[in-house]
Amino acid sequence: MLVQAGDDGMPAGVIAGTLGVPNSSLSFHLAHLTRAGLIQQRREGRSLIYTADYAAMNALVGYLMENCCGGAACAPAAHCGEDAAQPQERISA
């Protein structure tokens, strides 16, 4: 969601409401993503605005692509279009 929000980012309250996540749970996850360097936080008045750190995300994806499965092919090539696999519904524990 933050990647799609772009450089404007999103307030924590909007993120929580959109995802249907309690504020305390969202705060926990946002804090960990911030410490990991994948998102950034700024204050605007009384709101905390979160934005994706695109450079950090690109570096992480690049690292994972270069080091996945020890350099061996570990997954079939991704397919785009109508015949692409549809996302599976999440099952909560």
C-alpha atoms as a PDB file:
ATOM      1  CA  MET A   1       0.000   0.000   0.000  1.00  0.00           C
ATOM      2  CA  LEU A   2       2.838   2.403   0.805  1.00  0.00           C
ATOM      3  CA  VAL A   3       4.564   1.601  -2.469  1.00  0.00           C
ATOM      4  CA  GLN A   4       1.382   2.526  -4.316  1.00  0.00           C
ATOM      5  CA  ALA A   5       0.924   5.692  -2.231  1.00  0.00           C
ATOM      6  CA  GLY A   6       4.088   7.177  -3.731  1.00  0.00           C
ATOM      7  CA  ASP A   7       6.143   9.975  -2.250  1.00  0.00           C
ATOM      8  CA  ASP A   8       3.117  11.511  -0.508  1.00  0.00           C
ATOM      9  CA  GLY A   9       2.885   8.465   1.764  1.00  0.00           C
ATOM     10  CA  MET A  10      -0.034   7.741   4.053  1.00  0.00           C
ATOM     11  CA  PRO A  11      -0.976   8.629   7.619  1.00  0.00           C
ATOM     12  CA  ALA A  12      -0.885   5.733  10.068  1.00  0.00           C
ATOM     13  CA  GLY A  13      -4.607   6.080  10.791  1.00  0.00           C
ATOM     14  CA  VAL A  14      -5.523   5.727   7.123  1.00  0.00           C
ATOM     15  CA  ILE A  15      -3.297   2.659   6.791  1.00  0.00           C
ATOM     16  CA  ALA A  16      -4.910   1.069   9.855  1.00  0.00           C
ATOM     17  CA  GLY A  17      -8.422   1.818   8.638  1.00  0.00           C
ATOM     18  CA  THR A  18      -7.812   0.594   5.111  1.00  0.00           C
ATOM     19  CA  LEU A  19      -6.208  -2.646   6.261  1.00  0.00           C
ATOM     20  CA  GLY A  20      -8.608  -3.152   9.158  1.00  0.00           C
ATOM     21  CA  VAL A  21      -5.691  -3.556  11.554  1.00  0.00           C
ATOM     22  CA  PRO A  22      -5.764  -2.304  15.167  1.00  0.00           C
ATOM     23  CA  ASN A  23      -3.544   0.746  15.715  1.00  0.00           C
ATOM     24  CA  SER A  24      -1.323  -1.115  18.186  1.00  0.00           C
ATOM     25  CA  SER A  25      -0.655  -3.948  15.734  1.00  0.00           C
ATOM     26  CA  LEU A  26       0.011  -1.547  12.889  1.00  0.00           C
ATOM     27  CA  SER A  27       2.361   0.489  15.061  1.00  0.00           C
ATOM     28  CA  PHE A  28       4.364  -2.660  15.832  1.00  0.00           C
ATOM     29  CA  HIS A  29       4.747  -3.535  12.144  1.00  0.00           C
ATOM     30  CA  LEU A  30       5.496   0.012  11.000  1.00  0.00           C
ATOM     31  CA  ALA A  31       8.179   0.350  13.681  1.00  0.00           C
ATOM     32  CA  HIS A  32       9.902  -2.820  12.474  1.00  0.00           C
ATOM     33  CA  LEU A  33       9.727  -1.769   8.828  1.00  0.00           C
ATOM     34  CA  THR A  34      11.167   1.624   9.797  1.00  0.00           C
ATOM     35  CA  ARG A  35      14.032   0.024  11.764  1.00  0.00           C
ATOM     36  CA  ALA A  36      14.700  -2.280   8.811  1.00  0.00           C
ATOM     37  CA  GLY A  37      15.022   0.811   6.608  1.00  0.00           C
ATOM     38  CA  LEU A  38      12.237  -0.217   4.218  1.00  0.00           C
ATOM     39  CA  ILE A  39       9.934   2.690   5.085  1.00  0.00           C
ATOM     40  CA  GLN A  40      10.391   6.210   6.400  1.00  0.00           C
ATOM     41  CA  GLN A  41       8.332   8.186   8.858  1.00  0.00           C
ATOM     42  CA  ARG A  42       7.772  11.930   9.081  1.00  0.00           C
ATOM     43  CA  ARG A  43       5.544  14.068  11.243  1.00  0.00           C
ATOM     44  CA  GLU A  44       3.015  16.454   9.751  1.00  0.00           C
ATOM     45  CA  GLY A  45       1.257  18.244  12.580  1.00  0.00           C
ATOM     46  CA  ARG A  46      -0.183  15.530  14.780  1.00  0.00           C
ATOM     47  CA  SER A  47      -0.011  12.826  12.098  1.00  0.00           C
ATOM     48  CA  LEU A  48       2.757  10.358  11.357  1.00  0.00           C
ATOM     49  CA  ILE A  49       3.129   9.905   7.611  1.00  0.00           C
ATOM     50  CA  TYR A  50       4.784   6.754   6.311  1.00  0.00           C
ATOM     51  CA  THR A  51       6.424   6.383   2.903  1.00  0.00           C
ATOM     52  CA  ALA A  52       8.155   3.507   1.157  1.00  0.00           C
ATOM     53  CA  ASP A  53      11.934   3.804   0.821  1.00  0.00           C
ATOM     54  CA  TYR A  54      12.183   2.767  -2.821  1.00  0.00           C
ATOM     55  CA  ALA A  55      15.992   2.663  -2.893  1.00  0.00           C
ATOM     56  CA  ALA A  56      16.102   0.303   0.083  1.00  0.00           C
ATOM     57  CA  MET A  57      13.350  -1.892  -1.373  1.00  0.00           C
ATOM     58  CA  ASN A  58      15.090  -2.057  -4.744  1.00  0.00           C
ATOM     59  CA  ALA A  59      18.355  -2.998  -3.037  1.00  0.00           C
ATOM     60  CA  LEU A  60      16.609  -5.753  -1.066  1.00  0.00           C
ATOM     61  CA  VAL A  61      14.876  -7.169  -4.143  1.00  0.00           C
ATOM     62  CA  GLY A  62      18.158  -7.016  -6.067  1.00  0.00           C
ATOM     63  CA  TYR A  63      19.968  -8.863  -3.293  1.00  0.00           C
ATOM     64  CA  LEU A  64      17.264 -11.529  -3.113  1.00  0.00           C
ATOM     65  CA  MET A  65      17.287 -12.008  -6.895  1.00  0.00           C
ATOM     66  CA  GLU A  66      21.083 -12.334  -6.993  1.00  0.00           C
ATOM     67  CA  ASN A  67      21.293 -14.708  -4.039  1.00  0.00           C
ATOM     68  CA  CYS A  68      18.111 -16.742  -4.373  1.00  0.00           C
ATOM     69  CA  CYS A  69      18.665 -20.496  -4.140  1.00  0.00           C
ATOM     70  CA  GLY A  70      22.447 -20.158  -4.278  1.00  0.00           C
ATOM     71  CA  GLY A  71      22.308 -18.955  -7.874  1.00  0.00           C
ATOM     72  CA  ALA A  72      20.397 -22.005  -9.117  1.00  0.00           C
ATOM     73  CA  ALA A  73      17.041 -21.653 -10.803  1.00  0.00           C
ATOM     74  CA  CYS A  74      14.534 -22.092  -8.000  1.00  0.00           C
ATOM     75  CA  ALA A  75      11.217 -21.080  -9.538  1.00  0.00           C
ATOM     76  CA  PRO A  76       9.631 -21.166 -12.970  1.00  0.00           C
ATOM     77  CA  ALA A  77       9.558 -17.915 -14.896  1.00  0.00           C
ATOM     78  CA  ALA A  78       6.722 -15.612 -13.904  1.00  0.00           C
ATOM     79  CA  HIS A  79       3.830 -15.326 -16.342  1.00  0.00           C
ATOM     80  CA  CYS A  80       1.852 -12.164 -16.910  1.00  0.00           C
ATOM     81  CA  GLY A  81      -1.566 -11.805 -18.408  1.00  0.00           C
ATOM     82  CA  GLU A  82      -4.825 -13.671 -18.168  1.00  0.00           C
ATOM     83  CA  ASP A  83      -3.252 -17.081 -17.569  1.00  0.00           C
ATOM     84  CA  ALA A  84      -1.113 -15.821 -14.656  1.00  0.00           C
ATOM     85  CA  ALA A  85      -1.727 -17.387 -11.272  1.00  0.00           C
ATOM     86  CA  GLN A  86      -4.307 -15.543  -9.217  1.00  0.00           C
ATOM     87  CA  PRO A  87      -3.438 -14.514  -5.646  1.00  0.00           C
ATOM     88  CA  GLN A  88      -4.567 -17.001  -3.052  1.00  0.00           C
ATOM     89  CA  GLU A  89      -6.916 -15.952  -0.231  1.00  0.00           C
ATOM     90  CA  ARG A  90      -5.062 -15.507   3.041  1.00  0.00           C
ATOM     91  CA  ILE A  91      -5.936 -17.879   5.830  1.00  0.00           C
ATOM     92  CA  SER A  92      -5.554 -16.575   9.362  1.00  0.00           C
ATOM     93  CA  ALA A  93      -4.238 -18.837  12.054  1.00  0.00           C
END
